[in-house]
Amino acid sequence: MASKTVPATQPLPVSIDDVRAAQARIMGQIVRTPTLVSKTLSDLTGATVYLKFENLQFTAAYKERGALNTLLQLDEAARAKGVIAASAGNHAQGLAYHATRLGIPSTIVMPKNTPIVKVTQTEHHGANVILEGETFDAAYAHSRQLEAEHGFTFVHPFDDPRIIAGQGTVALEMVEDVPEIDTLIVPIGGGGLISGCATVAKSEGRDIEVVGVQAELYPSMYNRIHHTDMPCAGDTLAEGIAVKQPGGITAGLVEALVDDIVLVSERRLEESVSLLLQIEKTVVEGAGAAGLAALLAEPQRFKGKTVGIVLCGGNIDPRLLAYVLLRDLARSGRMARLRIRLQDRPGALYKVAQIFEQLSVNILELSHQRIFTNLPAKGLSLDVECETRDRDHLDRLMTALRHAQYEVQLVELA
């Protein structure tokens, strides 16, 4: 596919000069995060993979860039009255942190069902948090009402040229640090980040392919660009890009500058979060792993290219991260649950355990089922959670159990 170029017939709402001005404006007030090559991911995918570690920002997400660029352009009257936003995620924390640092009052409206950890983190950054409504739309409507009543400046999470220009500094740093990058893979929620990155990628004679990534459950920008009507709903790991309606400004920029949009499955997102922790020793949220998920889903497409991936955020609940890692262990065969049919008699469990011991398989947990089963009254269903070295080790264990005349099945993950 031929890479898109900047349209010559009409000016776009954000230019490379806007991004450069944003870079000069925010310099020294945000972290210039590293862009580092990953040898292991390069070997795994066949591309030369560079990672942009935006999860190393103070609030662990790129959102600080656009928020700060916007705050720094407010006049004194607007600063005195304060800013307001509707957000339950990284935009809330980035805006609150920099507003407080600059002495600007901030109000963040969140839905009532926002996890308490996000509420407390945003309050910790100095914002006045208001919980309103059961949905983001209700919180958004209330924030616009408060904007009108109190004269606050509303700071949109993505559909604002100042926000887009600030987010574009991510790509500007990447191409300055690694000029040989020929492909950018960027997550898409509302479209602020990819709009800014594409503005850089298609400027000043560059011919960098820009590929956007959305979760399969929330293909909102994909729908907008391709005129499809796939549903946007469900519990996605990538809640940071779970946006039902993209912005108008961002949709125009994406249509003009972005070469393609890839949809990725929840399983790929989970795999990517786990791989980044294991290989790069870095924690990313689901949205932050979306770029790698696209690369893993379509390795032939990117083979031989020099690919830049934006790890856009690292705010993931520790318990959710633990679940993701354990599920990945199960899918790779390093952790398993086996269901074994036994006869309910003395020594039965001991004989099975001997096979595990002989093959050096660690038993983590046992669960007997005598009542809620369709086995005969003298039958016993035994679930064994165990730890193996790899899939081959697990296969050898199951073969040994069957050779000893046990009925055994692997309890698979959905």
Protein backbone atom coordinates (compact mmCIF):
# COMPACT_ATOMS: atom_id res chain seq x y z
CA MET A 1 0.00 0.00 0.00
CA ALA A 2 1.29 3.46 -0.93
CA SER A 3 1.88 5.79 2.00
CA LYS A 4 -0.39 8.83 2.23
CA THR A 5 1.04 12.32 1.87
CA VAL A 6 -0.10 15.67 3.24
CA PRO A 7 -2.95 17.01 1.04
CA ALA A 8 -1.79 20.00 -0.99
CA THR A 9 -5.24 21.45 -1.62
CA GLN A 10 -6.33 22.37 1.87
CA PRO A 11 -4.51 23.26 5.10
CA LEU A 12 -4.96 20.87 7.99
CA PRO A 13 -5.87 22.14 11.49
CA VAL A 14 -2.47 21.09 12.91
CA SER A 15 0.87 21.57 11.17
CA ILE A 16 4.44 20.50 11.84
CA ASP A 17 5.12 24.09 12.94
CA ASP A 18 2.42 23.70 15.61
CA VAL A 19 4.09 20.52 16.85
CA ARG A 20 7.53 22.16 16.89
CA ALA A 21 6.11 25.12 18.82
CA ALA A 22 4.57 22.71 21.31
CA GLN A 23 7.90 20.94 21.69
CA ALA A 24 9.65 24.21 22.49
CA ARG A 25 6.85 25.20 24.87
CA ILE A 26 6.84 22.03 26.99
CA MET A 27 10.56 21.29 26.84
CA GLY A 28 12.02 20.64 30.28
CA GLN A 29 8.59 20.25 31.87
CA ILE A 30 7.87 16.72 30.68
CA VAL A 31 10.15 13.69 30.43
CA ARG A 32 11.88 13.24 27.09
CA THR A 33 11.29 9.52 27.15
CA PRO A 34 13.76 7.15 25.46
CA THR A 35 13.23 5.45 22.11
CA LEU A 36 15.08 2.16 22.37
CA VAL A 37 15.53 -0.81 20.07
CA SER A 38 14.24 -4.17 21.29
CA LYS A 39 16.50 -6.91 19.97
CA THR A 40 14.27 -9.67 21.31
CA LEU A 41 11.06 -8.28 19.81
CA SER A 42 12.92 -7.63 16.55
CA ASP A 43 14.06 -11.24 16.41
CA LEU A 44 10.55 -12.39 17.30
CA THR A 45 8.74 -10.37 14.61
CA GLY A 46 11.24 -9.95 11.78
CA ALA A 47 11.04 -6.15 11.98
CA THR A 48 13.51 -3.77 13.60
CA VAL A 49 11.43 -2.67 16.57
CA TYR A 50 11.92 0.60 18.44
CA LEU A 51 9.84 1.31 21.56
CA LYS A 52 8.91 4.80 22.77
CA PHE A 53 8.57 4.53 26.56
CA GLU A 54 5.82 7.06 27.29
CA ASN A 55 4.92 4.97 30.34
CA LEU A 56 7.93 6.67 31.95
CA GLN A 57 6.21 10.06 32.15
CA PHE A 58 5.55 11.22 35.72
CA THR A 59 1.86 10.27 35.46
CA ALA A 60 2.83 7.23 33.34
CA ALA A 61 1.21 8.39 30.10
CA TYR A 62 1.76 10.64 27.08
CA LYS A 63 -1.37 12.67 27.93
CA GLU A 64 0.76 15.14 29.89
CA ARG A 65 2.12 16.56 26.64
CA GLY A 66 -1.13 17.82 25.17
CA ALA A 67 -2.49 18.94 28.52
CA LEU A 68 0.62 20.97 29.29
CA ASN A 69 0.74 22.49 25.80
CA THR A 70 -2.85 23.66 26.27
CA LEU A 71 -2.33 25.01 29.79
CA LEU A 72 0.69 27.03 28.74
CA GLN A 73 -1.36 28.87 26.11
CA LEU A 74 -4.07 30.09 28.52
CA ASP A 75 -4.17 33.79 29.30
CA GLU A 76 -4.03 35.06 32.88
CA ALA A 77 -7.82 35.38 33.21
CA ALA A 78 -8.38 31.79 32.11
CA ARG A 79 -5.65 30.56 34.44
CA ALA A 80 -7.24 32.35 37.37
CA LYS A 81 -10.66 30.82 36.77
CA GLY A 82 -9.25 27.31 36.22
CA VAL A 83 -9.72 24.39 33.88
CA ILE A 84 -12.16 21.51 33.75
CA ALA A 85 -12.24 18.14 32.02
CA ALA A 86 -14.29 14.98 31.93
CA SER A 87 -12.04 11.96 32.22
CA ALA A 88 -11.61 8.77 34.19
CA GLY A 89 -8.16 8.04 32.85
CA ASN A 90 -4.75 9.38 31.96
CA HIS A 91 -5.99 12.77 30.71
CA ALA A 92 -7.37 13.52 34.17
CA GLN A 93 -4.06 12.83 35.88
CA GLY A 94 -1.92 14.63 33.31
CA LEU A 95 -4.09 17.73 33.38
CA ALA A 96 -4.39 17.76 37.17
CA TYR A 97 -0.65 17.33 37.71
CA HIS A 98 0.47 20.12 35.40
CA ALA A 99 -2.36 22.48 36.36
CA THR A 100 -1.39 22.18 40.02
CA ARG A 101 2.29 22.59 39.17
CA LEU A 102 1.47 25.82 37.29
CA GLY A 103 -0.86 27.13 40.00
CA ILE A 104 -4.03 26.69 37.90
CA PRO A 105 -7.14 25.31 39.65
CA SER A 106 -8.46 22.14 38.03
CA THR A 107 -11.75 20.28 38.24
CA ILE A 108 -12.17 16.77 36.90
CA VAL A 109 -15.63 15.22 36.47
CA MET A 110 -15.67 11.42 36.61
CA PRO A 111 -18.47 8.86 36.41
CA LYS A 112 -19.59 7.53 39.79
CA ASN A 113 -18.35 4.04 38.94
CA THR A 114 -14.75 5.17 38.37
CA PRO A 115 -12.34 2.89 40.29
CA ILE A 116 -11.38 4.52 43.58
CA VAL A 117 -7.66 4.25 42.77
CA LYS A 118 -8.13 6.59 39.77
CA VAL A 119 -10.13 9.04 41.88
CA THR A 120 -7.53 9.18 44.62
CA GLN A 121 -4.62 9.47 42.18
CA THR A 122 -6.27 12.42 40.45
CA GLU A 123 -7.04 14.08 43.80
CA HIS A 124 -3.44 13.46 44.83
CA HIS A 125 -2.34 15.52 41.82
CA GLY A 126 -4.35 18.45 43.19
CA ALA A 127 -7.62 18.33 41.25
CA ASN A 128 -11.10 18.87 42.63
CA VAL A 129 -12.79 15.60 41.61
CA ILE A 130 -16.55 15.53 41.10
CA LEU A 131 -18.34 12.20 40.64
CA GLU A 132 -21.39 12.58 38.43
CA GLY A 133 -23.52 10.12 36.46
CA GLU A 134 -23.09 6.45 35.66
CA THR A 135 -21.49 6.93 32.24
CA PHE A 136 -18.78 9.06 30.67
CA ASP A 137 -21.42 10.88 28.61
CA ALA A 138 -23.18 11.98 31.81
CA ALA A 139 -19.90 13.13 33.33
CA TYR A 140 -19.04 15.00 30.13
CA ALA A 141 -22.41 16.77 30.06
CA HIS A 142 -21.98 17.85 33.67
CA SER A 143 -18.49 19.17 33.01
CA ARG A 144 -19.77 21.34 30.16
CA GLN A 145 -22.51 22.64 32.44
CA LEU A 146 -19.94 23.59 35.10
CA GLU A 147 -17.79 25.19 32.39
CA ALA A 148 -20.67 27.50 31.48
CA GLU A 149 -21.62 28.26 35.07
CA HIS A 150 -18.15 29.06 36.40
CA GLY A 151 -16.25 30.25 33.35
CA PHE A 152 -13.80 27.34 33.47
CA THR A 153 -11.75 26.48 30.38
CA PHE A 154 -12.71 23.05 29.11
CA VAL A 155 -9.70 20.95 28.13
CA HIS A 156 -10.78 18.24 25.70
CA PRO A 157 -8.89 14.92 25.95
CA PHE A 158 -8.25 14.72 22.19
CA ASP A 159 -10.32 16.94 19.87
CA ASP A 160 -8.38 20.18 20.18
CA PRO A 161 -5.48 21.39 17.97
CA ARG A 162 -3.43 22.33 21.06
CA ILE A 163 -3.84 18.82 22.46
CA ILE A 164 -3.01 17.22 19.10
CA ALA A 165 0.13 19.35 18.66
CA GLY A 166 1.31 18.42 22.15
CA GLN A 167 0.79 14.72 21.52
CA GLY A 168 2.65 15.03 18.23
CA THR A 169 5.85 15.76 20.16
CA VAL A 170 5.99 12.01 20.85
CA ALA A 171 6.69 11.29 17.17
CA LEU A 172 8.94 14.33 16.82
CA GLU A 173 11.23 12.93 19.50
CA MET A 174 11.12 9.49 17.89
CA VAL A 175 12.22 10.66 14.43
CA GLU A 176 14.88 12.92 15.96
CA ASP A 177 16.31 10.01 17.94
CA VAL A 178 15.87 7.33 15.25
CA PRO A 179 15.65 8.96 11.78
CA GLU A 180 15.57 5.57 10.05
CA ILE A 181 12.08 4.72 11.37
CA ASP A 182 9.88 4.07 8.32
CA THR A 183 6.70 2.88 10.06
CA LEU A 184 4.84 4.14 13.12
CA ILE A 185 2.26 1.99 14.92
CA VAL A 186 0.10 4.16 17.17
CA PRO A 187 -2.92 3.33 19.37
CA ILE A 188 -6.18 5.14 18.57
CA GLY A 189 -8.85 6.10 21.08
CA GLY A 190 -10.25 9.52 20.30
CA GLY A 191 -7.41 10.10 17.85
CA GLY A 192 -5.31 12.86 19.44
CA LEU A 193 -2.08 10.91 19.64
CA ILE A 194 -2.16 9.45 16.14
CA SER A 195 -3.24 12.78 14.63
CA GLY A 196 -0.21 14.51 16.12
CA CYS A 197 2.13 11.64 15.24
CA ALA A 198 0.85 11.46 11.65
CA THR A 199 1.34 15.22 11.28
CA VAL A 200 5.03 14.68 12.04
CA ALA A 201 5.34 11.50 9.97
CA LYS A 202 4.02 13.14 6.80
CA SER A 203 5.91 16.44 7.12
CA GLU A 204 9.17 17.83 5.73
CA GLY A 205 9.58 15.22 3.01
CA ARG A 206 9.21 12.24 5.31
CA ASP A 207 7.46 9.16 3.94
CA ILE A 208 6.72 7.28 7.14
CA GLU A 209 3.82 4.85 7.04
CA VAL A 210 1.39 5.43 9.90
CA VAL A 211 -0.73 2.52 11.11
CA GLY A 212 -3.36 3.03 13.80
CA VAL A 213 -4.49 0.34 16.23
CA GLN A 214 -7.84 -0.14 17.92
CA ALA A 215 -9.25 -2.90 20.08
CA GLU A 216 -11.71 -5.10 18.20
CA LEU A 217 -14.33 -4.25 20.81
CA TYR A 218 -14.06 -0.49 20.14
CA PRO A 219 -13.48 0.11 16.40
CA SER A 220 -14.87 3.66 16.52
CA MET A 221 -12.30 5.41 14.31
CA TYR A 222 -12.21 2.39 11.99
CA ASN A 223 -15.99 2.73 11.60
CA ARG A 224 -15.70 6.46 10.95
CA ILE A 225 -13.01 6.12 8.28
CA HIS A 226 -14.32 2.98 6.57
CA HIS A 227 -18.04 3.81 6.92
CA THR A 228 -18.76 0.58 8.77
CA ASP A 229 -21.07 0.05 11.72
CA MET A 230 -19.38 -2.48 13.97
CA PRO A 231 -20.49 -2.28 17.62
CA CYS A 232 -18.38 -0.45 20.20
CA ALA A 233 -18.99 -2.19 23.51
CA GLY A 234 -17.53 -4.67 25.95
CA ASP A 235 -14.87 -4.99 28.62
CA THR A 236 -11.58 -4.42 26.85
CA LEU A 237 -8.17 -4.58 28.47
CA ALA A 238 -7.39 -1.43 26.48
CA GLU A 239 -9.83 0.82 28.32
CA GLY A 240 -7.59 3.82 27.57
CA ILE A 241 -8.62 3.63 23.89
CA ALA A 242 -12.19 2.42 24.47
CA VAL A 243 -13.79 5.47 22.88
CA LYS A 244 -17.23 5.16 21.28
CA GLN A 245 -17.09 8.43 19.33
CA PRO A 246 -13.80 9.78 17.92
CA GLY A 247 -13.28 13.50 17.53
CA GLY A 248 -14.27 15.51 14.48
CA ILE A 249 -10.90 17.23 14.13
CA THR A 250 -9.01 14.01 14.74
CA ALA A 251 -11.15 12.01 12.30
CA GLY A 252 -10.32 14.51 9.56
CA LEU A 253 -6.60 14.24 10.29
CA VAL A 254 -6.71 10.46 10.46
CA GLU A 255 -8.55 10.27 7.14
CA ALA A 256 -6.03 12.59 5.52
CA LEU A 257 -2.79 11.22 6.97
CA VAL A 258 -3.13 7.72 8.45
CA ASP A 259 -2.41 4.86 6.06
CA ASP A 260 -4.36 2.09 7.76
CA ILE A 261 -6.09 1.02 10.96
CA VAL A 262 -5.64 -2.47 12.43
CA LEU A 263 -8.04 -4.08 14.89
CA VAL A 264 -6.55 -6.35 17.56
CA SER A 265 -8.09 -9.02 19.76
CA GLU A 266 -8.17 -9.11 23.54
CA ARG A 267 -5.91 -12.14 23.48
CA ARG A 268 -3.26 -10.25 21.51
CA LEU A 269 -3.49 -7.34 23.94
CA GLU A 270 -2.99 -9.67 26.91
CA GLU A 271 -0.07 -11.37 25.21
CA SER A 272 1.57 -8.02 24.46
CA VAL A 273 1.23 -6.70 28.03
CA SER A 274 2.85 -9.92 29.26
CA LEU A 275 5.65 -9.89 26.67
CA LEU A 276 6.60 -6.29 27.42
CA LEU A 277 6.89 -7.10 31.09
CA GLN A 278 8.87 -10.27 30.51
CA ILE A 279 11.13 -9.03 27.71
CA GLU A 280 11.50 -5.30 28.33
CA LYS A 281 10.80 -5.39 32.08
CA THR A 282 8.34 -2.53 31.60
CA VAL A 283 4.72 -2.24 32.75
CA VAL A 284 2.18 -1.03 30.20
CA GLU A 285 -1.60 -0.82 30.27
CA GLY A 286 -3.72 -2.50 27.61
CA ALA A 287 -3.78 0.59 25.38
CA GLY A 288 -0.01 0.91 25.74
CA ALA A 289 0.45 -2.61 24.40
CA ALA A 290 -1.81 -2.11 21.36
CA GLY A 291 1.03 -1.28 18.97
CA LEU A 292 2.90 -4.45 19.79
CA ALA A 293 -0.37 -6.40 19.52
CA ALA A 294 -0.76 -5.18 15.93
CA LEU A 295 2.82 -6.17 15.12
CA LEU A 296 2.29 -9.66 16.56
CA ALA A 297 -1.03 -10.04 14.74
CA GLU A 298 0.42 -9.21 11.30
CA PRO A 299 4.18 -9.94 11.38
CA GLN A 300 4.48 -10.47 7.61
CA ARG A 301 3.11 -6.99 6.96
CA PHE A 302 5.89 -5.34 8.99
CA LYS A 303 8.72 -7.80 8.28
CA GLY A 304 11.93 -6.02 7.28
CA LYS A 305 10.65 -2.59 8.28
CA THR A 306 12.01 -0.26 10.94
CA VAL A 307 9.01 0.12 13.20
CA GLY A 308 8.40 2.65 15.96
CA ILE A 309 5.83 1.63 18.59
CA VAL A 310 4.44 4.05 21.16
CA LEU A 311 4.00 2.52 24.63
CA CYS A 312 1.48 5.23 25.41
CA GLY A 313 0.72 4.45 29.05
CA GLY A 314 1.52 2.30 32.06
CA ASN A 315 -1.47 2.78 34.34
CA ILE A 316 -2.82 -0.72 34.88
CA ASP A 317 -4.44 -2.05 38.03
CA PRO A 318 -1.96 -4.43 39.75
CA ARG A 319 -4.61 -7.10 40.25
CA LEU A 320 -5.60 -6.97 36.58
CA LEU A 321 -1.94 -7.20 35.61
CA ALA A 322 -1.58 -10.30 37.79
CA TYR A 323 -4.56 -11.92 36.04
CA VAL A 324 -3.11 -11.12 32.62
CA LEU A 325 0.27 -12.63 33.52
CA LEU A 326 -1.27 -15.80 34.97
CA ARG A 327 -3.52 -16.25 31.93
CA ASP A 328 -0.49 -15.88 29.67
CA LEU A 329 1.35 -18.54 31.69
CA ALA A 330 -1.63 -20.84 31.18
CA ARG A 331 -1.80 -20.22 27.43
CA SER A 332 1.92 -20.88 27.02
CA GLY A 333 1.69 -24.19 28.91
CA ARG A 334 3.76 -23.05 31.88
CA MET A 335 0.74 -23.25 34.15
CA ALA A 336 -2.16 -25.64 33.67
CA ARG A 337 -5.26 -27.11 35.23
CA LEU A 338 -5.73 -30.81 34.55
CA ARG A 339 -8.97 -32.66 35.24
CA ILE A 340 -8.27 -36.28 36.12
CA ARG A 341 -10.80 -39.04 36.72
CA LEU A 342 -9.94 -41.26 39.71
CA GLN A 343 -11.52 -44.07 41.66
CA ASP A 344 -12.46 -42.96 45.18
CA ARG A 345 -10.24 -45.32 47.13
CA PRO A 346 -7.21 -45.05 49.45
CA GLY A 347 -3.93 -44.31 47.68
CA ALA A 348 -5.49 -42.97 44.47
CA LEU A 349 -4.20 -39.43 44.96
CA TYR A 350 -0.78 -40.69 46.06
CA LYS A 351 -0.35 -42.69 42.84
CA VAL A 352 -1.23 -39.71 40.67
CA ALA A 353 1.11 -37.45 42.64
CA GLN A 354 3.96 -39.88 41.98
CA ILE A 355 3.68 -39.23 38.24
CA PHE A 356 3.89 -35.48 38.82
CA GLU A 357 6.95 -36.02 41.02
CA GLN A 358 8.67 -38.27 38.49
CA LEU A 359 8.34 -35.59 35.80
CA SER A 360 9.32 -32.75 38.19
CA VAL A 361 5.99 -30.97 37.83
CA ASN A 362 5.12 -28.66 40.70
CA ILE A 363 1.56 -29.04 42.05
CA LEU A 364 0.07 -25.67 43.05
CA GLU A 365 -3.45 -26.59 44.08
CA LEU A 366 -5.78 -29.62 44.30
CA SER A 367 -9.56 -29.70 44.14
CA HIS A 368 -11.72 -32.84 44.59
CA GLN A 369 -15.26 -33.11 43.27
CA ARG A 370 -17.42 -35.99 44.46
CA ILE A 371 -20.94 -34.51 44.48
CA PHE A 372 -21.45 -32.08 41.58
CA THR A 373 -20.29 -34.47 38.87
CA ASN A 374 -21.83 -36.92 36.42
CA LEU A 375 -19.35 -39.62 37.41
CA PRO A 376 -20.56 -42.78 39.18
CA ALA A 377 -20.92 -42.56 42.98
CA LYS A 378 -17.53 -44.23 43.43
CA GLY A 379 -15.91 -41.89 40.94
CA LEU A 380 -13.85 -38.81 41.74
CA SER A 381 -12.97 -35.77 39.64
CA LEU A 382 -9.64 -34.24 40.60
CA ASP A 383 -8.54 -30.81 39.34
CA VAL A 384 -4.80 -30.24 39.60
CA GLU A 385 -3.29 -26.81 39.05
CA CYS A 386 0.37 -27.28 38.23
CA GLU A 387 3.47 -25.49 37.01
CA THR A 388 5.50 -26.84 34.09
CA ARG A 389 8.55 -25.63 32.18
CA ASP A 390 6.81 -25.24 28.82
CA ARG A 391 4.16 -26.75 26.53
CA ASP A 392 6.33 -29.76 25.71
CA HIS A 393 6.78 -30.52 29.42
CA LEU A 394 3.00 -30.33 29.90
CA ASP A 395 2.40 -32.65 26.94
CA ARG A 396 4.80 -35.23 28.41
CA LEU A 397 2.94 -35.08 31.73
CA MET A 398 -0.43 -35.71 30.08
CA THR A 399 1.05 -38.57 28.04
CA ALA A 400 2.44 -40.18 31.20
CA LEU A 401 -0.93 -39.90 32.97
CA ARG A 402 -2.74 -41.50 30.04
CA HIS A 403 -0.10 -44.23 29.81
CA ALA A 404 -0.93 -45.01 33.47
CA GLN A 405 -4.60 -45.46 32.40
CA TYR A 406 -5.93 -42.18 33.79
CA GLU A 407 -8.55 -40.17 31.95
CA VAL A 408 -7.14 -36.63 31.80
CA GLN A 409 -8.14 -33.44 30.06
CA LEU A 410 -6.69 -29.95 29.97
CA VAL A 411 -9.06 -27.25 31.23
CA GLU A 412 -8.55 -24.62 28.53
CA LEU A 413 -8.89 -20.85 28.85
CA ALA A 414 -11.60 -19.25 26.75
